[in-house]
Amino acid sequence: MNICVIGAGYVGLITALCFGKKENKVVCVEKNRDKLNMLKNGVPTIFEEGLEELLKESLNTNSVKFTDNLEMGIKSSDILFIAVGTPTKDNWDVDIGQVEAVINLISPYINKYKVVVTKSTVPVGTQKYITSKLLENHVSKEYFDVVSNPEFLREGKAIYDFFYGDKIVIGSESQKAFEVMRKLYEPFKIKMVLTNPETAELIKYTSNALLSVKISFMNEIANLCNKACADIDVIAYALGLDKRISPLFLKAGIGYGGSCFPKDTKALVKMSENYNCSLNIVKATVDVNEKQRVLPVDILLEHYKIIEGKTVAILGLTFKPDTDDIREAPSLYIIEKLLKNKVNIKAYDPMGTKKIKNIFPDITYCDGMYECLENCDAMIICTEWNEFYSIDLCKVKEIMRESVIIDGRNMLDIEKIKEANIKAYYSVGKGNIKN
């Protein structure tokens, strides 16, 4: 099929390349010149497992073409995917300004029937809004149907999820559009959920909110565990054996981040207010997460009382391992609060350093884990990168000024902490050690 993907960001790029792999002809439209040139030359603009290989294959087979020529992309395609940003406003509402801009841009070029698909995460009612905007822009109703087709991609596993996901959600009011979308997705052999647009739009927000609720709930229980001498990992294991609960998203830590959970939970709360319907559990989830992500600083303040002038090492800057994404990462909020307390900060991350430097240019960035820990009074593990699991705790004891460890991801073995005679170790729900 002939497809145009508008926007070569995270979702748009993955969408374009994966559809191209399934013998479709894809035009991916991107207005950012630097990003466009990188993609044309086979250079990924994001880090994602398997992305570079898939990008080069798509260019070699000519299955995906990258361009800034929107008119060509629209006129040569039967299905138009909108994959632009929908950031959160200060009042937690969703900013669909980029989506609206795309609708205005594509309207003059729709001269035959096309399926216009929102891949961006958009609030309930957006499909109807897009339909009305196209009609206002004098696009004949015979020339289009608007479909909601939200994505469910995990960063770091997005390509795998696109090919082998657990569901494809398609929201439409048109049987013709359903048939087009069914034909497009048929080669993927993934269960399809066909519904109306409002339900499709709400499924994405509900899914992310429920997963966020699980995380924040376990983090609250973990905080109780530290006070009650209980082990959150054992509790999570036992809960996961219950088929009604499942073991996924029960790991305690310093909260969730990324481009979806923080944005979508807030958007869902705001949406509910617009409908005069309170979502108190989701609101509480947001509140818990905002407190949890700065928990390491609260622990430091309790340990030292005064932390001004101390040197703290931050291990891990991205919101999760195997990605270079720092959006809403707990490290951002931890660094900000440490700086307010006049703490000297050293930081190390295998992939996220460049992006963090643009936000905090004045802290010290290191090329390795042990370099980061030298002469520090404390260390905070923010991201569970694989290399941190194999950290030499005896070496840590030697090179740190004071071996105070705050394990924000419960990565380290408490028995090994004891053997290395670490001065102080703080976990999230697995107990603390002080020597």
Protein backbone atom coordinates (compact mmCIF):
# COMPACT_ATOMS: atom_id res chain seq x y z
CA MET A 1 0.00 0.00 0.00
CA ASN A 2 1.07 3.63 -0.48
CA ILE A 3 1.62 5.35 2.87
CA CYS A 4 2.67 8.81 3.98
CA VAL A 5 3.94 9.31 7.53
CA ILE A 6 4.05 12.94 8.62
CA GLY A 7 6.70 13.46 11.27
CA ALA A 8 9.93 11.44 11.67
CA GLY A 9 10.06 11.58 15.44
CA TYR A 10 10.09 8.48 17.62
CA VAL A 11 6.67 7.13 16.64
CA GLY A 12 6.73 8.38 13.06
CA LEU A 13 10.13 6.91 12.23
CA ILE A 14 9.32 3.49 13.70
CA THR A 15 5.95 3.49 11.92
CA ALA A 16 7.48 4.37 8.55
CA LEU A 17 10.27 1.79 8.73
CA CYS A 18 8.09 -1.05 9.99
CA PHE A 19 5.43 -0.52 7.33
CA GLY A 20 8.19 -0.35 4.73
CA LYS A 21 9.45 -3.74 5.90
CA LYS A 22 6.03 -5.22 5.07
CA GLU A 23 6.29 -4.41 1.36
CA ASN A 24 4.51 -1.05 1.49
CA LYS A 25 5.78 2.06 -0.27
CA VAL A 26 6.29 4.71 2.40
CA VAL A 27 7.02 8.43 2.17
CA CYS A 28 8.12 9.93 5.49
CA VAL A 29 7.80 13.72 5.60
CA GLU A 30 10.06 15.63 7.98
CA LYS A 31 10.56 19.41 7.99
CA ASN A 32 13.67 19.47 10.21
CA ARG A 33 16.55 19.71 7.73
CA ASP A 34 19.24 18.27 10.02
CA LYS A 35 17.11 15.28 10.96
CA LEU A 36 16.09 14.76 7.34
CA ASN A 37 19.68 14.71 6.10
CA MET A 38 20.70 12.23 8.79
CA LEU A 39 17.89 9.83 7.87
CA LYS A 40 18.61 10.12 4.14
CA ASN A 41 22.20 9.10 4.91
CA GLY A 42 21.17 6.14 7.06
CA VAL A 43 22.03 7.79 10.37
CA PRO A 44 19.42 7.17 13.13
CA THR A 45 18.11 10.25 14.93
CA ILE A 46 17.15 8.22 18.02
CA PHE A 47 18.60 5.18 19.74
CA GLU A 48 16.47 2.08 19.36
CA GLU A 49 17.42 -1.59 19.20
CA GLY A 50 17.65 -2.71 15.56
CA LEU A 51 16.86 0.75 14.17
CA GLU A 52 20.09 1.42 12.26
CA GLU A 53 19.91 -1.91 10.44
CA LEU A 54 16.24 -1.42 9.53
CA LEU A 55 16.87 2.15 8.36
CA LYS A 56 19.71 1.11 6.05
CA GLU A 57 17.70 -1.81 4.69
CA SER A 58 14.75 0.50 3.97
CA LEU A 59 16.99 2.91 2.07
CA ASN A 60 18.67 0.11 0.11
CA THR A 61 15.33 -1.39 -0.95
CA ASN A 62 13.79 2.06 -1.52
CA SER A 63 10.79 1.00 0.57
CA VAL A 64 10.92 4.24 2.58
CA LYS A 65 11.69 7.67 1.15
CA PHE A 66 12.49 10.62 3.42
CA THR A 67 11.51 14.07 2.16
CA ASP A 68 10.29 17.53 3.13
CA ASN A 69 7.96 17.62 0.11
CA LEU A 70 4.57 17.32 1.80
CA GLU A 71 2.60 17.71 -1.43
CA MET A 72 4.36 14.77 -3.03
CA GLY A 73 3.87 12.66 0.08
CA ILE A 74 0.15 13.35 0.27
CA LYS A 75 -0.67 12.97 -3.42
CA SER A 76 1.28 9.72 -3.79
CA SER A 77 -0.35 8.00 -0.80
CA ASP A 78 -3.65 6.37 0.12
CA ILE A 79 -3.11 6.38 3.90
CA LEU A 80 -1.78 9.40 5.81
CA PHE A 81 -0.34 8.86 9.29
CA ILE A 82 -0.05 11.92 11.54
CA ALA A 83 2.81 11.33 13.99
CA VAL A 84 3.67 14.72 15.47
CA GLY A 85 4.12 15.81 19.06
CA THR A 86 1.24 16.39 21.48
CA PRO A 87 2.97 17.91 24.52
CA THR A 88 1.40 18.71 27.86
CA LYS A 89 0.38 22.28 28.66
CA ASP A 90 1.05 23.81 32.05
CA ASN A 91 -2.57 23.12 33.04
CA TRP A 92 -2.12 19.40 32.07
CA ASP A 93 -4.24 19.80 28.94
CA VAL A 94 -2.96 18.27 25.68
CA ASP A 95 -1.54 20.66 23.10
CA ILE A 96 -2.74 19.43 19.69
CA GLY A 97 -1.40 22.50 17.89
CA GLN A 98 1.00 20.43 15.78
CA VAL A 99 -1.82 18.11 14.73
CA GLU A 100 -3.97 21.08 13.75
CA ALA A 101 -1.08 22.56 11.77
CA VAL A 102 -0.69 19.30 9.85
CA ILE A 103 -4.42 19.24 9.00
CA ASN A 104 -4.20 22.76 7.59
CA LEU A 105 -1.11 21.84 5.56
CA ILE A 106 -2.46 18.63 4.05
CA SER A 107 -5.94 19.93 3.20
CA PRO A 108 -5.06 21.52 -0.18
CA TYR A 109 -3.48 18.27 -1.43
CA ILE A 110 -6.27 15.80 -0.69
CA ASN A 111 -7.76 15.33 -4.15
CA LYS A 112 -9.02 11.73 -3.88
CA TYR A 113 -10.08 9.32 -1.12
CA LYS A 114 -7.53 8.93 1.67
CA VAL A 115 -7.59 7.52 5.19
CA VAL A 116 -6.21 10.11 7.62
CA VAL A 117 -4.83 8.31 10.69
CA THR A 118 -3.84 9.85 14.03
CA LYS A 119 -0.86 7.89 15.39
CA SER A 120 -0.10 10.69 17.85
CA THR A 121 -1.61 10.34 21.32
CA VAL A 122 -4.57 12.71 21.25
CA PRO A 123 -7.46 13.46 23.63
CA VAL A 124 -10.98 12.15 23.24
CA GLY A 125 -12.81 14.02 20.50
CA THR A 126 -9.77 14.67 18.29
CA GLN A 127 -11.05 12.46 15.46
CA LYS A 128 -14.24 14.48 15.27
CA TYR A 129 -12.24 17.71 15.49
CA ILE A 130 -9.98 16.68 12.60
CA THR A 131 -13.02 15.73 10.54
CA SER A 132 -14.59 19.13 11.12
CA LYS A 133 -11.31 20.93 10.32
CA LEU A 134 -10.94 19.10 7.01
CA LEU A 135 -14.50 19.99 6.07
CA GLU A 136 -13.88 23.63 7.10
CA ASN A 137 -10.84 23.58 4.82
CA HIS A 138 -13.13 22.61 1.93
CA VAL A 139 -12.00 18.99 1.63
CA SER A 140 -14.90 16.95 0.24
CA LYS A 141 -16.27 14.36 2.68
CA GLU A 142 -16.00 11.80 -0.13
CA TYR A 143 -12.22 12.27 -0.12
CA PHE A 144 -11.40 11.18 3.43
CA ASP A 145 -12.13 9.21 6.59
CA VAL A 146 -10.37 9.91 9.88
CA VAL A 147 -9.15 6.97 11.96
CA SER A 148 -7.69 6.80 15.47
CA ASN A 149 -4.84 4.26 15.63
CA PRO A 150 -2.84 4.82 18.85
CA GLU A 151 0.61 3.28 19.28
CA PHE A 152 1.68 0.97 22.12
CA LEU A 153 5.45 0.95 21.74
CA ARG A 154 8.01 0.51 24.51
CA GLU A 155 11.15 2.56 24.05
CA GLY A 156 14.06 0.19 23.50
CA LYS A 157 11.70 -2.50 22.17
CA ALA A 158 9.62 -0.41 19.78
CA ILE A 159 10.46 -2.28 16.57
CA TYR A 160 9.71 -5.63 18.21
CA ASP A 161 6.44 -4.25 19.57
CA PHE A 162 5.38 -2.94 16.17
CA PHE A 163 5.87 -6.36 14.58
CA TYR A 164 4.74 -8.55 17.49
CA GLY A 165 2.54 -6.38 19.72
CA ASP A 166 -0.43 -7.69 21.68
CA LYS A 167 -3.04 -5.49 19.99
CA ILE A 168 -3.79 -3.02 17.21
CA VAL A 169 -6.52 -0.52 18.07
CA ILE A 170 -8.48 1.05 15.22
CA GLY A 171 -11.20 3.60 15.88
CA SER A 172 -13.42 4.72 13.03
CA GLU A 173 -17.00 5.47 12.00
CA SER A 174 -16.44 4.17 8.45
CA GLN A 175 -16.59 0.57 7.28
CA LYS A 176 -14.52 1.56 4.26
CA ALA A 177 -11.75 2.90 6.50
CA PHE A 178 -11.90 -0.25 8.66
CA GLU A 179 -11.31 -2.39 5.58
CA VAL A 180 -8.34 -0.29 4.47
CA MET A 181 -6.76 -0.49 7.91
CA ARG A 182 -7.51 -4.20 8.24
CA LYS A 183 -5.73 -4.87 4.94
CA LEU A 184 -2.76 -2.72 6.00
CA TYR A 185 -2.27 -4.55 9.31
CA GLU A 186 -3.19 -8.07 8.15
CA PRO A 187 0.45 -9.12 7.49
CA PHE A 188 1.34 -8.44 11.13
CA LYS A 189 -0.97 -11.19 12.44
CA ILE A 190 -1.81 -9.18 15.57
CA LYS A 191 -5.24 -9.12 17.20
CA MET A 192 -7.22 -6.06 16.12
CA VAL A 193 -9.63 -4.11 18.31
CA LEU A 194 -12.14 -2.32 16.09
CA THR A 195 -14.16 0.35 17.87
CA ASN A 196 -15.41 3.92 17.63
CA PRO A 197 -12.89 6.80 17.63
CA GLU A 198 -13.63 7.99 21.17
CA THR A 199 -12.97 4.54 22.63
CA ALA A 200 -9.76 4.14 20.63
CA GLU A 201 -8.50 7.52 21.80
CA LEU A 202 -9.27 6.67 25.42
CA ILE A 203 -7.73 3.17 25.30
CA LYS A 204 -4.20 4.60 25.02
CA TYR A 205 -4.62 6.94 27.99
CA THR A 206 -6.32 4.27 30.09
CA SER A 207 -3.57 1.74 29.37
CA ASN A 208 -0.76 4.08 30.38
CA ALA A 209 -2.66 5.32 33.43
CA LEU A 210 -3.26 1.79 34.71
CA LEU A 211 0.40 0.86 34.33
CA SER A 212 1.37 4.09 36.09
CA VAL A 213 -1.04 3.25 38.93
CA LYS A 214 0.71 -0.10 39.41
CA ILE A 215 4.11 1.57 39.58
CA SER A 216 3.07 4.28 42.03
CA PHE A 217 1.16 1.79 44.17
CA MET A 218 4.22 -0.45 44.51
CA ASN A 219 6.42 2.55 45.27
CA GLU A 220 4.15 3.52 48.16
CA ILE A 221 4.26 -0.05 49.47
CA ALA A 222 8.05 0.00 49.07
CA ASN A 223 8.30 3.11 51.25
CA LEU A 224 6.25 1.29 53.88
CA CYS A 225 8.54 -1.75 53.58
CA ASN A 226 11.57 0.32 54.53
CA LYS A 227 9.84 1.39 57.75
CA ALA A 228 8.36 -2.04 58.53
CA CYS A 229 11.51 -4.12 57.75
CA ALA A 230 9.78 -5.92 54.86
CA ASP A 231 11.15 -6.80 51.40
CA ILE A 232 9.37 -5.25 48.42
CA ASP A 233 10.90 -7.72 45.95
CA VAL A 234 9.40 -10.68 47.78
CA ILE A 235 6.05 -8.90 47.96
CA ALA A 236 6.20 -8.16 44.22
CA TYR A 237 7.08 -11.78 43.48
CA ALA A 238 4.14 -13.05 45.52
CA LEU A 239 1.75 -10.57 43.91
CA GLY A 240 2.97 -11.55 40.47
CA LEU A 241 1.99 -15.17 41.08
CA ASP A 242 -1.62 -14.04 41.29
CA LYS A 243 -3.05 -14.47 37.79
CA ARG A 244 -5.40 -11.55 38.39
CA ILE A 245 -2.45 -9.18 38.89
CA SER A 246 0.47 -10.39 36.68
CA PRO A 247 4.13 -9.76 37.56
CA LEU A 248 4.64 -6.84 35.15
CA PHE A 249 5.13 -3.25 36.39
CA LEU A 250 5.48 -4.29 40.04
CA LYS A 251 9.13 -3.25 40.43
CA ALA A 252 9.65 -0.51 42.98
CA GLY A 253 12.00 2.41 42.41
CA ILE A 254 12.15 6.19 42.12
CA GLY A 255 9.21 6.53 39.78
CA TYR A 256 8.36 6.49 36.12
CA GLY A 257 9.41 8.92 33.42
CA GLY A 258 9.57 9.04 29.64
CA SER A 259 7.35 10.54 26.99
CA CYS A 260 4.14 8.65 27.79
CA PHE A 261 3.30 7.88 31.42
CA PRO A 262 3.80 11.39 32.90
CA LYS A 263 2.12 13.11 29.95
CA ASP A 264 -0.78 10.71 29.55
CA THR A 265 -1.73 10.44 33.23
CA LYS A 266 -1.90 14.22 33.50
CA ALA A 267 -3.87 14.45 30.26
CA LEU A 268 -6.36 11.87 31.49
CA VAL A 269 -6.89 13.80 34.73
CA LYS A 270 -7.47 16.99 32.76
CA MET A 271 -9.82 15.23 30.34
CA SER A 272 -11.89 13.92 33.23
CA GLU A 273 -12.20 17.43 34.65
CA ASN A 274 -13.43 18.68 31.27
CA TYR A 275 -16.19 16.07 31.49
CA ASN A 276 -16.89 16.95 35.16
CA CYS A 277 -15.71 13.51 36.25
CA SER A 278 -12.95 13.15 38.86
CA LEU A 279 -10.29 10.45 38.45
CA ASN A 280 -8.95 10.52 42.00
CA ILE A 281 -6.81 7.38 41.68
CA VAL A 282 -5.00 8.67 38.59
CA LYS A 283 -4.51 12.08 40.23
CA ALA A 284 -3.01 10.38 43.30
CA THR A 285 -0.74 8.34 41.00
CA VAL A 286 0.71 11.55 39.55
CA ASP A 287 1.22 13.01 43.05
CA VAL A 288 2.96 9.87 44.32
CA ASN A 289 5.29 9.79 41.32
CA GLU A 290 6.28 13.44 41.67
CA LYS A 291 7.30 12.81 45.30
CA GLN A 292 8.98 9.47 44.56
CA ARG A 293 11.31 10.78 41.90
CA VAL A 294 13.09 13.09 44.37
CA LEU A 295 13.14 10.50 47.17
CA PRO A 296 16.96 10.11 46.92
CA VAL A 297 17.46 13.77 47.81
CA ASP A 298 15.15 13.42 50.80
CA ILE A 299 17.20 10.41 51.92
CA LEU A 300 20.44 12.40 51.58
CA LEU A 301 18.99 15.25 53.62
CA GLU A 302 17.95 12.83 56.34
CA HIS A 303 21.36 11.13 56.32
CA TYR A 304 23.56 14.25 56.31
CA LYS A 305 21.13 16.91 57.61
CA ILE A 306 23.14 19.50 55.63
CA ILE A 307 24.25 18.55 52.10
CA GLU A 308 25.57 21.92 50.92
CA GLY A 309 29.09 21.43 49.55
CA LYS A 310 28.81 17.65 49.33
CA THR A 311 29.73 15.91 46.06
CA VAL A 312 27.15 13.46 44.75
CA ALA A 313 27.53 11.05 41.83
CA ILE A 314 24.51 10.37 39.62
CA LEU A 315 24.69 7.02 37.83
CA GLY A 316 22.18 6.90 34.98
CA LEU A 317 20.44 9.89 33.43
CA THR A 318 17.91 8.41 31.01
CA PHE A 319 14.41 7.51 32.20
CA LYS A 320 15.10 3.81 31.48
CA PRO A 321 18.01 1.71 30.16
CA ASP A 322 18.63 0.97 26.47
CA THR A 323 17.46 4.40 25.31
CA ASP A 324 18.92 7.90 25.09
CA ASP A 325 15.58 9.46 26.10
CA ILE A 326 15.74 11.78 29.13
CA ARG A 327 12.17 13.09 28.92
CA GLU A 328 10.70 13.30 32.43
CA ALA A 329 13.58 11.21 33.77
CA PRO A 330 13.83 11.22 37.60
CA SER A 331 17.46 12.32 37.22
CA LEU A 332 16.30 15.74 35.96
CA TYR A 333 14.37 16.43 39.15
CA ILE A 334 17.06 14.97 41.40
CA ILE A 335 19.76 17.15 39.82
CA GLU A 336 17.54 20.23 40.04
CA LYS A 337 16.86 19.68 43.76
CA LEU A 338 20.52 18.92 44.50
CA LEU A 339 21.60 22.14 42.79
CA LYS A 340 19.11 24.10 44.88
CA ASN A 341 20.84 22.61 47.92
CA LYS A 342 24.23 23.75 46.51
CA VAL A 343 25.53 20.21 46.00
CA ASN A 344 28.42 19.47 43.61
CA ILE A 345 27.26 16.92 41.03
CA LYS A 346 29.16 14.40 38.92
CA ALA A 347 27.15 12.37 36.39
CA TYR A 348 27.60 9.37 34.13
CA ASP A 349 25.28 7.70 31.62
CA PRO A 350 26.20 5.45 28.67
CA MET A 351 23.87 7.37 26.31
CA GLY A 352 22.08 10.32 27.88
CA THR A 353 24.96 12.70 28.71
CA LYS A 354 24.75 14.85 25.56
CA LYS A 355 21.08 15.70 26.06
CA ILE A 356 21.42 16.38 29.80
CA LYS A 357 24.34 18.75 29.10
CA ASN A 358 21.97 21.03 27.23
CA ILE A 359 19.86 21.38 30.39
CA PHE A 360 22.57 21.33 33.08
CA PRO A 361 25.80 22.52 31.42
CA ASP A 362 27.62 23.33 34.65
CA ILE A 363 27.75 19.93 36.38
CA THR A 364 30.66 17.52 35.86
CA TYR A 365 30.12 14.79 33.27
CA CYS A 366 32.29 11.67 33.33
CA ASP A 367 33.21 9.05 30.74
CA GLY A 368 32.94 6.08 33.08
CA MET A 369 31.27 4.81 36.21
CA TYR A 370 34.32 4.74 38.48
CA GLU A 371 35.57 8.13 37.30
CA CYS A 372 32.18 9.48 38.32
CA LEU A 373 32.45 7.99 41.83
CA GLU A 374 35.94 9.28 42.67
CA ASN A 375 36.01 11.52 45.78
CA CYS A 376 32.21 11.59 46.08
CA ASP A 377 30.30 11.66 49.36
CA ALA A 378 27.33 9.76 47.97
CA MET A 379 26.07 8.05 44.84
CA ILE A 380 22.52 7.80 43.48
CA ILE A 381 21.60 5.09 40.99
CA CYS A 382 18.83 6.49 38.79
CA THR A 383 18.79 4.12 35.81
CA GLU A 384 19.28 0.34 35.79
CA TRP A 385 21.91 0.10 33.06
CA ASN A 386 23.40 -3.40 32.85
CA GLU A 387 26.93 -2.26 33.67
CA PHE A 388 25.80 -1.01 37.08
CA TYR A 389 24.84 -4.55 38.14
CA SER A 390 28.48 -5.59 38.00
CA ILE A 391 29.85 -2.64 39.97
CA ASP A 392 32.87 -3.53 42.16
CA LEU A 393 31.71 -2.48 45.62
CA CYS A 394 35.17 -2.88 47.17
CA LYS A 395 36.52 -0.44 44.59
CA VAL A 396 33.58 1.86 45.33
CA LYS A 397 34.55 1.82 49.00
CA GLU A 398 38.13 2.78 48.09
CA ILE A 399 37.51 5.63 45.64
CA MET A 400 34.56 7.37 47.27
CA ARG A 401 35.17 9.87 50.05
CA GLU A 402 32.18 8.42 51.88
CA SER A 403 30.51 5.28 50.57
CA VAL A 404 26.87 6.34 50.88
CA ILE A 405 24.77 4.57 48.25
CA ILE A 406 21.17 5.36 47.34
CA ASP A 407 19.97 2.56 45.10
CA GLY A 408 16.99 4.09 43.32
CA ARG A 409 16.41 0.94 41.24
CA ASN A 410 17.15 -1.80 43.82
CA MET A 411 19.99 -3.14 41.68
CA LEU A 412 22.60 -4.07 44.25
CA ASP A 413 22.89 -7.21 46.40
CA ILE A 414 22.57 -6.37 50.09
CA GLU A 415 24.86 -9.23 51.13
CA LYS A 416 27.61 -7.87 48.86
CA ILE A 417 26.99 -4.41 50.32
CA LYS A 418 27.66 -5.85 53.78
CA GLU A 419 30.78 -7.73 52.61
CA ALA A 420 32.25 -4.53 51.14
CA ASN A 421 31.61 -2.69 54.41
CA ILE A 422 29.79 0.13 52.63
CA LYS A 423 29.15 3.00 55.05
CA ALA A 424 25.44 3.41 54.23
CA TYR A 425 23.08 1.78 51.75
CA TYR A 426 19.51 2.90 51.09
CA SER A 427 17.12 0.93 48.89
CA VAL A 428 13.50 1.46 47.86
CA GLY A 429 11.67 -1.09 49.97
CA LYS A 430 14.42 -3.67 50.58
CA GLY A 431 15.91 -2.26 53.75
CA ASN A 432 18.78 0.05 54.64
CA ILE A 433 22.28 -0.57 56.04
CA LYS A 434 24.34 1.82 58.14
CA ASN A 435 27.84 1.12 59.49
